[in-house]
Protein backbone atom coordinates (compact mmCIF):
# COMPACT_ATOMS: atom_id res chain seq x y z
CA MET A 1 -31.87 8.63 -16.68
CA SER A 2 -32.09 6.23 -18.69
CA ALA A 3 -33.64 2.75 -17.95
CA LEU A 4 -30.31 1.20 -17.41
CA GLN A 5 -29.43 3.62 -14.60
CA ASP A 6 -32.90 3.29 -12.85
CA GLU A 7 -32.36 -0.43 -12.61
CA ALA A 8 -28.81 -0.49 -11.05
CA PRO A 9 -28.37 -0.21 -7.53
CA SER A 10 -26.82 3.08 -6.41
CA PRO A 11 -24.70 3.28 -3.40
CA GLY A 12 -26.15 2.60 -0.76
CA ALA A 13 -28.74 0.38 -2.26
CA ALA A 14 -29.85 -2.79 -0.66
CA THR A 15 -27.90 -6.44 -1.47
CA PRO A 16 -28.77 -10.02 -0.73
CA ASP A 17 -27.08 -12.13 2.05
CA VAL A 18 -23.76 -12.81 2.47
CA PRO A 19 -22.56 -15.86 0.55
CA GLY A 20 -20.94 -18.17 3.18
CA GLY A 21 -17.65 -18.92 1.84
CA LEU A 22 -16.83 -15.28 1.77
CA GLY A 23 -14.75 -14.57 4.78
CA ILE A 24 -12.71 -18.30 4.30
CA ARG A 25 -12.12 -17.12 0.75
CA ALA A 26 -10.83 -14.05 1.27
CA LEU A 27 -8.18 -15.41 3.82
CA ARG A 28 -6.84 -17.64 1.00
CA ASN A 29 -6.58 -14.95 -1.03
CA THR A 30 -4.48 -13.25 1.67
CA ILE A 31 -2.54 -16.17 2.30
CA LEU A 32 -1.89 -16.26 -1.68
CA ILE A 33 -1.42 -12.52 -2.54
CA LEU A 34 1.15 -12.48 0.76
CA VAL A 35 3.52 -15.50 -0.41
CA VAL A 36 3.71 -14.66 -4.17
CA ARG A 37 4.19 -10.63 -3.09
CA VAL A 38 6.81 -11.79 -0.94
CA ILE A 39 8.67 -12.93 -4.31
CA SER A 40 7.75 -10.02 -5.92
CA ARG A 41 8.86 -7.75 -3.45
CA ILE A 42 12.21 -9.39 -3.43
CA ILE A 43 12.65 -8.74 -6.76
CA ALA A 44 11.76 -5.32 -6.89
CA LEU A 45 13.98 -4.59 -3.67
CA ILE A 46 16.85 -6.16 -5.73
CA ALA A 47 16.13 -3.94 -8.75
CA VAL A 48 15.95 -0.53 -6.38
CA ILE A 49 19.11 -1.72 -4.96
CA ILE A 50 20.89 -2.18 -8.23
CA ILE A 51 19.56 1.10 -9.47
CA GLY A 52 20.71 2.53 -6.35
CA ASN A 53 24.22 1.29 -6.26
CA TYR A 54 24.02 2.53 -10.31
CA LEU A 55 23.09 6.23 -9.71
CA ASP A 56 24.94 8.40 -7.04
CA PRO A 57 22.69 9.79 -4.13
CA THR A 58 21.73 12.77 -6.06
CA ARG A 59 20.64 10.93 -8.95
CA PHE A 60 18.93 8.45 -7.15
CA GLY A 61 17.27 11.29 -5.07
CA GLU A 62 16.13 13.10 -8.37
CA MET A 63 14.66 10.20 -9.64
CA GLN A 64 12.48 9.33 -6.31
CA THR A 65 11.66 13.16 -6.04
CA ALA A 66 10.05 12.79 -9.53
CA VAL A 67 8.25 9.24 -8.52
CA THR A 68 7.31 10.90 -5.45
CA TYR A 69 5.44 13.66 -7.43
CA VAL A 70 3.93 11.30 -10.22
CA GLY A 71 2.15 9.61 -7.14
CA LEU A 72 0.78 12.94 -5.92
CA VAL A 73 -0.10 14.37 -9.18
CA GLY A 74 -2.14 10.74 -9.54
CA THR A 75 -3.97 10.99 -6.50
CA VAL A 76 -5.03 14.38 -7.38
CA THR A 77 -6.48 13.04 -11.25
CA ASP A 78 -8.55 10.17 -9.85
CA LEU A 79 -10.39 12.00 -7.57
CA GLY A 80 -11.26 8.59 -5.21
CA PHE A 81 -13.37 7.16 -8.36
CA SER A 82 -10.85 4.08 -8.50
CA ALA A 83 -11.48 3.50 -4.48
CA LEU A 84 -14.96 3.89 -5.08
CA TYR A 85 -15.02 1.71 -8.06
CA VAL A 86 -13.71 -1.20 -6.24
CA ARG A 87 -16.03 -0.78 -3.53
CA GLU A 88 -19.25 -0.37 -5.19
CA GLY A 89 -17.95 -3.46 -7.94
CA ALA A 90 -17.40 -5.65 -4.68
CA ARG A 91 -21.35 -4.54 -4.55
CA HIS A 92 -22.74 -5.24 -7.52
CA THR A 93 -20.48 -7.39 -9.62
CA ASP A 94 -23.23 -7.30 -12.46
CA GLN A 95 -22.35 -3.56 -13.23
CA LEU A 96 -18.76 -4.35 -13.28
CA SER A 97 -18.69 -3.22 -17.37
CA ARG A 98 -20.25 -0.57 -17.05
CA TYR A 99 -18.83 0.86 -13.39
CA TRP A 100 -14.94 0.33 -15.19
CA ASN A 101 -16.59 1.93 -18.78
CA ASN A 102 -17.64 4.94 -16.79
CA VAL A 103 -14.20 5.30 -14.37
CA ALA A 104 -11.62 4.52 -17.18
CA SER A 105 -13.46 6.80 -19.59
CA LEU A 106 -13.23 9.85 -16.94
CA LYS A 107 -9.62 8.84 -16.29
CA VAL A 108 -9.22 10.76 -19.67
CA VAL A 109 -10.08 13.75 -18.39
CA GLY A 110 -7.86 12.83 -15.46
CA THR A 111 -5.11 12.48 -17.97
CA ALA A 112 -5.36 15.56 -19.51
CA ILE A 113 -5.30 17.51 -15.81
CA GLY A 114 -1.77 15.13 -15.01
CA LEU A 115 0.34 16.38 -17.54
CA PRO A 116 0.73 20.14 -16.94
CA LEU A 117 0.31 19.49 -13.20
CA ILE A 118 3.53 16.90 -13.41
CA PHE A 119 5.39 19.48 -15.75
CA ALA A 120 4.83 22.12 -13.13
CA ALA A 121 6.05 19.63 -10.15
CA LEU A 122 9.03 18.50 -12.00
CA TYR A 123 10.23 22.06 -13.37
CA VAL A 124 9.92 23.61 -10.01
CA ALA A 125 12.01 20.69 -8.74
CA GLY A 126 14.48 21.19 -11.21
CA VAL A 127 13.78 17.54 -12.78
CA ARG A 128 11.69 18.48 -15.69
CA SER A 129 14.10 16.39 -18.17
CA LEU A 130 12.05 13.44 -16.72
CA LEU A 131 9.00 14.64 -17.70
CA TRP A 132 7.86 12.15 -20.21
CA PRO A 133 8.35 8.87 -18.34
CA SER A 134 6.68 10.30 -15.47
CA PHE A 135 3.65 11.04 -16.99
CA ALA A 136 3.78 7.45 -18.41
CA ILE A 137 4.17 5.88 -15.06
CA LEU A 138 0.98 8.35 -14.00
CA VAL A 139 -1.14 7.49 -16.81
CA LEU A 140 -0.27 3.55 -17.09
CA SER A 141 -0.20 3.26 -13.52
CA GLY A 142 -3.25 4.17 -12.66
CA TYR A 143 -4.99 2.17 -15.71
CA GLN A 144 -3.28 -0.80 -14.29
CA LEU A 145 -4.77 -0.59 -10.67
CA LEU A 146 -8.45 0.36 -12.00
CA LEU A 147 -8.19 -3.48 -14.43
CA ARG A 148 -6.37 -4.84 -11.19
CA ASN A 149 -8.90 -3.97 -8.81
CA THR A 150 -11.60 -5.68 -10.74
CA LEU A 151 -10.31 -9.04 -9.59
CA TYR A 152 -10.37 -7.71 -6.01
CA ALA A 153 -13.83 -6.56 -6.44
CA LEU A 154 -14.68 -10.14 -7.70
CA GLN A 155 -12.64 -11.84 -5.15
CA ARG A 156 -11.33 -13.70 -8.12
CA LEU A 157 -7.37 -13.17 -7.26
CA THR A 158 -5.96 -15.92 -8.95
CA PHE A 159 -5.07 -14.39 -12.39
CA GLU A 160 -3.37 -11.46 -10.37
CA ILE A 161 -1.45 -13.90 -8.49
CA ILE A 162 -0.12 -15.43 -11.80
CA GLU A 163 0.85 -11.49 -12.66
CA ILE A 164 2.78 -10.32 -9.99
CA VAL A 165 6.36 -11.89 -10.38
CA PRO A 166 6.48 -11.39 -14.11
CA GLU A 167 5.66 -7.95 -13.83
CA THR A 168 8.45 -7.55 -11.34
CA LEU A 169 10.51 -9.40 -13.54
CA VAL A 170 10.13 -7.25 -16.52
CA VAL A 171 11.86 -4.32 -14.14
CA PHE A 172 14.47 -6.30 -13.39
CA ALA A 173 15.13 -7.42 -16.50
CA LEU A 174 14.91 -3.66 -17.73
CA VAL A 175 16.96 -2.75 -15.17
CA VAL A 176 20.29 -4.98 -15.78
CA ILE A 177 19.58 -4.29 -19.04
CA GLY A 178 20.38 -0.29 -18.35
CA VAL A 179 23.10 -0.88 -16.01
CA HIS A 180 24.75 -2.67 -18.79
CA ILE A 181 24.43 -0.19 -21.63
CA HIS A 182 24.93 2.93 -19.26
CA ALA A 183 21.88 4.27 -19.19
CA ASP A 184 20.43 7.91 -18.03
CA THR A 185 18.13 8.37 -14.80
CA GLY A 186 15.02 8.54 -17.01
CA TYR A 187 15.69 5.48 -18.59
CA PHE A 188 14.91 3.51 -15.30
CA LEU A 189 11.70 5.50 -14.88
CA TRP A 190 10.87 3.85 -18.37
CA ALA A 191 11.40 0.60 -17.28
CA TYR A 192 8.73 1.30 -14.54
CA ALA A 193 6.40 2.53 -16.65
CA ILE A 194 6.86 -0.45 -19.36
CA SER A 195 6.21 -2.93 -16.29
CA TYR A 196 2.89 -1.09 -15.96
CA ALA A 197 1.84 -1.49 -19.28
CA PHE A 198 2.74 -4.89 -19.69
CA ALA A 199 -0.20 -5.46 -16.31
CA CYS A 200 -2.58 -3.29 -18.03
CA VAL A 201 -2.25 -5.90 -21.50
CA TYR A 202 -2.40 -8.85 -19.31
CA PHE A 203 -5.68 -7.54 -16.99
CA GLY A 204 -7.42 -6.53 -20.14
CA THR A 205 -6.97 -9.86 -21.70
CA VAL A 206 -7.50 -11.68 -18.91
CA LEU A 207 -11.07 -9.77 -18.02
CA ILE A 208 -12.14 -9.16 -21.73
CA ALA A 209 -11.73 -12.94 -21.96
CA MET A 210 -13.58 -13.87 -18.77
CA GLY A 211 -16.64 -11.79 -20.40
CA VAL A 212 -16.16 -9.51 -17.15
CA LEU A 213 -15.66 -6.10 -19.18
CA ARG A 214 -16.69 -4.82 -22.41
CA PRO A 215 -14.15 -1.90 -22.84
CA GLY A 216 -15.53 1.44 -24.63
CA LEU A 217 -15.77 4.83 -23.96
CA GLN A 218 -18.72 5.35 -21.62
CA LEU A 219 -19.76 8.63 -19.53
CA GLU A 220 -23.32 8.70 -17.70
CA PRO A 221 -23.43 11.95 -16.07
CA GLY A 222 -26.17 10.34 -13.87
CA LEU A 223 -24.29 7.63 -12.72
CA LEU A 224 -21.43 9.72 -12.13
CA LEU A 225 -22.82 12.51 -10.38
CA SER A 226 -24.58 10.05 -8.28
CA TRP A 227 -20.96 8.69 -7.32
CA VAL A 228 -19.48 12.53 -6.80
CA ARG A 229 -20.64 12.90 -3.60
CA VAL A 230 -19.38 9.90 -2.03
CA ALA A 231 -15.86 10.17 -4.48
CA ILE A 232 -15.17 13.17 -3.74
CA PRO A 233 -14.66 12.87 0.21
CA LEU A 234 -12.69 9.61 -0.42
CA GLY A 235 -10.57 11.44 -3.59
CA ILE A 236 -9.83 14.19 -0.59
CA THR A 237 -9.12 11.45 1.94
CA PHE A 238 -6.70 9.95 -0.48
CA ILE A 239 -4.91 12.94 -1.41
CA ILE A 240 -4.53 13.78 1.99
CA THR A 241 -2.97 10.65 2.72
CA THR A 242 -0.90 10.58 0.18
CA VAL A 243 0.46 14.06 0.86
CA TYR A 244 1.16 12.83 4.33
CA PHE A 245 2.88 9.87 3.15
CA LYS A 246 5.05 11.66 0.61
CA VAL A 247 5.20 15.54 1.62
CA ASP A 248 8.49 14.26 3.19
CA VAL A 249 10.64 14.04 -0.01
CA PRO A 250 9.66 17.66 -1.77
CA ILE A 251 10.45 19.19 1.89
CA LEU A 252 13.59 17.97 2.07
CA GLN A 253 14.53 18.57 -1.19
CA ARG A 254 14.00 22.09 -0.66
CA PHE A 255 15.71 22.41 2.71
CA ARG A 256 18.44 19.90 2.02
CA PRO A 257 20.99 18.62 -1.09
CA TYR A 258 19.87 15.77 -3.14
CA SER A 259 22.32 13.53 -1.70
CA GLU A 260 20.35 13.49 1.63
CA VAL A 261 16.95 13.21 -0.47
CA GLY A 262 18.75 10.40 -1.82
CA TYR A 263 20.11 8.67 1.77
CA TYR A 264 16.39 9.12 3.08
CA THR A 265 14.73 7.49 0.25
CA PHE A 266 17.16 4.41 0.02
CA ALA A 267 16.55 3.77 3.55
CA TYR A 268 12.70 4.03 2.93
CA LYS A 269 12.80 1.68 0.21
CA PRO A 270 13.04 -1.44 2.41
CA PHE A 271 10.44 0.02 4.66
CA GLU A 272 8.51 0.81 2.14
CA SER A 273 8.78 -2.63 0.47
CA LEU A 274 7.33 -4.28 3.86
CA LEU A 275 4.19 -2.19 3.16
CA PHE A 276 3.02 -4.51 0.87
CA ILE A 277 1.84 -6.74 3.50
CA PRO A 278 -1.03 -4.46 5.18
CA PHE A 279 -1.61 -3.14 1.40
CA ALA A 280 -2.48 -6.94 0.37
CA LEU A 281 -4.16 -7.88 3.14
CA ARG A 282 -6.47 -4.41 3.15
CA SER A 283 -7.18 -4.92 -1.20
CA VAL A 284 -8.65 -8.35 0.18
CA VAL A 285 -10.40 -7.49 3.45
CA PHE A 286 -11.47 -4.18 2.06
CA PRO A 287 -14.50 -5.38 -0.37
CA VAL A 288 -15.58 -7.98 2.58
CA LEU A 289 -15.47 -5.37 4.98
CA SER A 290 -18.24 -3.52 2.29
CA VAL A 291 -20.05 -5.94 1.72
CA TYR A 292 -20.76 -7.10 5.41
CA HIS A 293 -21.85 -3.86 5.96
CA ARG A 294 -24.11 -3.85 3.61
CA ARG A 295 -25.77 -7.74 3.81
CA SER A 296 -24.56 -8.51 7.57
CA PRO A 297 -23.33 -5.55 9.93
CA GLU A 298 -22.83 -7.20 13.08
CA ARG A 299 -20.00 -9.17 11.45
CA VAL A 300 -18.07 -5.62 10.53
CA LEU A 301 -16.51 -4.90 13.69
CA PRO A 302 -15.28 -8.55 14.46
CA LEU A 303 -13.64 -8.59 11.27
CA ALA A 304 -12.19 -5.44 11.88
CA GLU A 305 -11.00 -6.49 15.11
CA LYS A 306 -8.98 -9.84 13.40
CA PHE A 307 -7.67 -7.42 10.86
CA PHE A 308 -5.71 -5.24 13.77
CA LYS A 309 -4.86 -8.28 15.42
CA ALA A 310 -3.46 -9.69 12.01
CA LEU A 311 -1.66 -6.73 11.45
CA VAL A 312 -0.06 -5.92 14.49
CA ILE A 313 1.25 -9.95 14.84
CA LEU A 314 2.94 -9.15 11.44
CA GLY A 315 4.06 -5.62 12.24
CA TRP A 316 5.52 -6.01 15.14
CA PRO A 317 8.17 -8.62 14.80
CA ILE A 318 9.29 -6.85 11.41
CA THR A 319 10.01 -3.48 13.72
CA VAL A 320 11.37 -5.04 16.66
CA GLY A 321 14.11 -6.87 14.09
CA VAL A 322 14.52 -4.62 11.46
CA PHE A 323 15.72 -1.61 14.21
CA LEU A 324 18.09 -4.13 16.30
CA LEU A 325 19.90 -5.27 12.69
CA ALA A 326 19.70 -2.05 10.89
CA PRO A 327 23.11 -1.95 10.37
CA GLN A 328 23.58 -5.65 9.06
CA PHE A 329 20.71 -5.06 6.33
CA ASN A 330 21.99 -1.70 5.78
CA SER A 331 25.25 -3.80 4.72
CA LEU A 332 23.47 -6.80 3.65
CA LEU A 333 21.20 -4.70 1.14
CA HIS A 334 24.24 -2.08 0.12
CA LEU A 335 22.25 0.50 1.09
CA TYR A 336 24.37 4.01 1.64
CA PRO A 337 26.31 4.53 4.93
CA GLY A 338 24.51 7.39 5.53
CA SER A 339 21.14 5.08 4.77
CA GLU A 340 21.98 3.23 7.86
CA PRO A 341 20.29 5.64 10.88
CA ALA A 342 17.26 6.27 8.80
CA LEU A 343 16.63 2.71 8.76
CA GLN A 344 16.78 2.17 12.05
CA ILE A 345 14.77 5.01 13.07
CA LEU A 346 12.03 4.01 10.33
CA ALA A 347 11.73 0.56 11.82
CA LEU A 348 9.94 1.63 14.48
CA ALA A 349 7.20 3.16 12.64
CA ILE A 350 6.50 -0.10 10.94
CA VAL A 351 4.17 -1.94 13.53
CA PHE A 352 2.27 1.82 13.80
CA MET A 353 1.59 2.01 9.71
CA PHE A 354 0.66 -1.60 9.73
CA ALA A 355 -2.08 -0.97 12.57
CA ASP A 356 -3.11 2.45 10.66
CA ASN A 357 -4.39 -0.11 7.74
CA THR A 358 -7.37 -1.29 10.02
CA PHE A 359 -9.22 2.36 10.33
CA ALA A 360 -8.71 3.01 6.95
CA ALA A 361 -10.12 0.21 5.68
CA THR A 362 -13.07 -0.05 8.04
CA LEU A 363 -14.09 3.59 8.13
CA ASN A 364 -14.27 3.91 3.97
CA ALA A 365 -16.09 0.39 3.76
CA ILE A 366 -18.87 1.43 6.32
CA ASP A 367 -19.40 4.42 4.16
CA LYS A 368 -17.64 6.92 6.54
CA GLN A 369 -15.40 8.35 4.06
CA ASN A 370 -16.06 11.75 5.48
CA VAL A 371 -15.15 11.07 8.87
CA PHE A 372 -11.55 9.33 7.72
CA ALA A 373 -10.98 12.34 5.60
CA LEU A 374 -10.90 14.21 8.92
CA VAL A 375 -8.93 11.30 10.51
CA ALA A 376 -6.18 12.07 7.38
CA MET A 377 -6.47 15.63 7.94
CA VAL A 378 -4.88 15.30 11.26
CA GLY A 379 -2.34 13.05 9.87
CA LEU A 380 -1.19 15.60 7.35
CA VAL A 381 -1.15 18.51 9.97
CA ILE A 382 1.34 16.59 11.99
CA ASN A 383 2.98 15.36 9.40
CA VAL A 384 3.95 18.05 7.73
CA GLY A 385 4.07 20.27 10.87
CA VAL A 386 6.61 17.78 12.11
CA ASN A 387 8.60 17.64 8.97
CA LEU A 388 8.80 21.59 8.91
CA VAL A 389 10.20 22.03 11.90
CA VAL A 390 12.85 19.11 12.11
CA ILE A 391 13.85 18.88 8.41
CA PRO A 392 15.65 22.32 8.37
CA HIS A 393 17.45 21.36 11.69
CA TYR A 394 18.11 17.69 11.26
CA GLY A 395 17.79 16.67 7.64
CA TYR A 396 16.57 13.32 6.67
CA LEU A 397 17.22 11.99 10.20
CA GLY A 398 14.72 14.18 11.00
CA ALA A 399 12.28 13.39 8.31
CA SER A 400 12.72 9.30 9.50
CA TRP A 401 11.30 10.53 13.04
CA ALA A 402 8.53 12.28 11.27
CA VAL A 403 7.31 8.90 9.94
CA VAL A 404 7.38 7.34 13.34
CA VAL A 405 5.16 10.55 15.40
CA THR A 406 2.40 10.87 12.43
CA GLU A 407 1.90 6.97 12.61
CA ALA A 408 1.33 6.42 16.14
CA ALA A 409 -0.56 9.75 16.26
CA LEU A 410 -3.00 7.99 13.63
CA VAL A 411 -3.34 4.67 15.52
CA VAL A 412 -4.42 6.92 18.38
CA VAL A 413 -6.99 9.31 16.22
CA GLY A 414 -7.77 6.26 13.81
CA TRP A 415 -8.88 3.86 17.11
CA LEU A 416 -10.72 6.88 18.93
CA VAL A 417 -12.77 7.54 15.93
CA LEU A 418 -13.65 3.88 15.14
CA ARG A 419 -14.57 3.42 18.59
CA ALA A 420 -17.34 6.58 18.23
CA GLN A 421 -18.60 5.43 14.50
CA LEU A 422 -18.75 1.44 15.09
CA GLY A 423 -17.18 0.27 18.58
CA THR A 424 -14.11 -0.40 20.17
CA ILE A 425 -11.33 -2.80 19.01
CA PRO A 426 -9.83 -4.01 22.51
CA LEU A 427 -6.15 -2.82 21.75
CA VAL A 428 -4.64 -4.67 24.78
CA SER A 429 -6.62 -8.52 24.44
CA THR A 430 -5.94 -8.15 20.74
CA SER A 431 -1.96 -7.04 21.01
CA TRP A 432 -0.27 -8.09 24.00
CA LYS A 433 0.88 -11.71 23.10
CA ALA A 434 2.12 -10.48 20.10
CA LEU A 435 4.07 -7.61 21.99
CA VAL A 436 5.28 -10.71 24.67
CA ALA A 437 6.44 -12.76 21.30
CA GLY A 438 8.59 -9.94 19.82
CA LEU A 439 9.98 -9.20 23.29
CA VAL A 440 11.41 -12.88 23.69
CA MET A 441 12.47 -12.53 19.95
CA GLY A 442 13.95 -9.12 20.63
CA ALA A 443 16.20 -10.28 23.30
CA PHE A 444 17.14 -13.23 21.67
CA ILE A 445 18.60 -11.01 18.51
CA TYR A 446 20.19 -8.74 21.33
CA VAL A 447 22.54 -11.59 22.79
CA ALA A 448 22.99 -13.62 19.40
CA ASN A 449 24.25 -10.29 17.32
CA PRO A 450 24.99 -11.64 14.02
CA HIS A 451 27.32 -8.49 13.46
CA GLN A 452 28.14 -8.29 9.58
CA ASN A 453 28.66 -12.08 9.64
CA ARG A 454 25.78 -12.57 6.82
CA VAL A 455 25.39 -16.64 7.26
CA LEU A 456 24.87 -15.76 10.89
CA LEU A 457 22.48 -12.94 10.23
CA PHE A 458 20.83 -15.48 8.28
CA VAL A 459 20.75 -17.89 10.93
CA VAL A 460 19.44 -15.51 13.39
CA VAL A 461 16.53 -14.20 11.36
CA VAL A 462 15.46 -17.49 10.86
CA ALA A 463 15.51 -18.42 14.69
CA SER A 464 14.20 -15.46 15.80
CA ALA A 465 11.05 -16.02 13.49
CA LEU A 466 10.48 -19.46 14.96
CA ILE A 467 10.80 -18.07 18.29
CA TYR A 468 8.18 -15.87 17.77
CA GLY A 469 5.73 -18.33 16.51
CA VAL A 470 6.95 -20.67 19.15
CA VAL A 471 5.70 -18.22 21.53
CA LEU A 472 2.68 -17.11 19.88
CA LEU A 473 1.86 -20.28 20.03
CA ALA A 474 2.21 -21.33 23.45
CA LEU A 475 0.32 -18.02 24.18
CA ARG A 476 -2.68 -19.27 21.65
CA VAL A 477 -2.89 -16.14 19.90
CA ALA A 478 -5.72 -17.53 17.68
CA ASP A 479 -8.83 -18.42 19.12
CA SER A 480 -10.96 -21.18 17.88
CA GLU A 481 -12.55 -19.48 15.54
CA GLU A 482 -9.44 -17.81 14.03
CA MET A 483 -7.60 -21.61 13.80
CA SER A 484 -10.73 -23.14 12.04
CA LEU A 485 -10.95 -20.12 9.63
CA ILE A 486 -6.93 -20.80 8.79
CA ARG A 487 -7.46 -24.68 8.48
CA ASN A 488 -10.27 -24.08 6.20
CA ALA A 489 -7.97 -21.53 4.19
CA LEU A 490 -5.36 -23.91 3.72
CA ARG A 491 -7.33 -26.99 2.83
CA PRO A 492 -7.75 -27.28 -1.07
CA GLY A 493 -11.07 -27.18 -2.56
CA ARG A 494 -13.04 -25.33 -0.98
């Protein structure tokens, strides 16, 4: 082992005290990320709607099948090193360049493994013509995520906030051009690959200019072997979670025509677009939880509780609103007529999928990746089992119900496991105020019922959000500490 490796902290080494403003900085970053991602997701959703309406359900189903297999293969080739990189990078920021070079160099090996895997998957699915754009997405998405995670490790997200909307506009512009020139399905996959290339160039330039990274080929067996013990469980966990998150599409494609895959995946797109909210919060909170675990462990459970509370507050009104207004949203978004019932069913899973992120972030942050791997395995078994039972009989609607069952079960399992490993998050006291506010909001939506009037739909949605917020304020959903954090995060110059 080299002198540099001897001096560098290994996973688990002691670290200094927690910086005082870490929580406020994380909250401010969360607010900023959410604002720009709302804009970005709206643009991205419009782009997907344009693609879906340009392609028929069958070709759209083929495209989404390719995207699904890219996600599955990408998780296998990553082996958990990307997640470990952001966790250890947040703890040891002075080692970021070294860590990045090792993980980025290791990804070259992953790329060599990924090509035959993606070829085999697309060949079996009958869409091997989409191989090269799918492979480009596999490679470029992996590197842009690694570069993006460097900023999360540093908690310096201004540069990412600047990049989010332009990256989405690249996709949108290419999609519009593709429709205009009557492009084939592969073109739209290339559009996403190009947007990832744009992100790689941008983040790489920023990080090099900041002096954070000095890119180079670097494979240190001592470092990588010390990480393998931790990375493999993380990798297995992400493989499992990705499989249970995406396995419905391959199963649906096996038993049903591609048109049903198109109905299901088109309904899934608005649902999936909403998931940027918990994922964005998790990306910001996870490094903070990781640092607290090493430097101030007594603060981990209170932060996890606040994280769970925030996710329920955000997820529950979306569940209520989308469930009650699914026909109107399906018409407004120009989804396929067959997508409407799937969208309504999937709405029930939103609040559970938001809340699930608490347990994933916390267990991994406190070095319990082995335990979370078991939680993820439970989710996989439930999801695959339910899908295999319901899809042959009920098709894409069965797949929609399988999502709801799996996510609800994972909340229960995750809560029980976290209680055994760290402590109890009080579900009732953290959730009841949001649940009451959501039911009041739902009653208003049910009575107002905007039918197909788009202007009235907009009015009802805005009014519903205001009603929900007013009820939360009346119930004093935020305690004094949370209100202080929010005020400090919104105060400029801090």
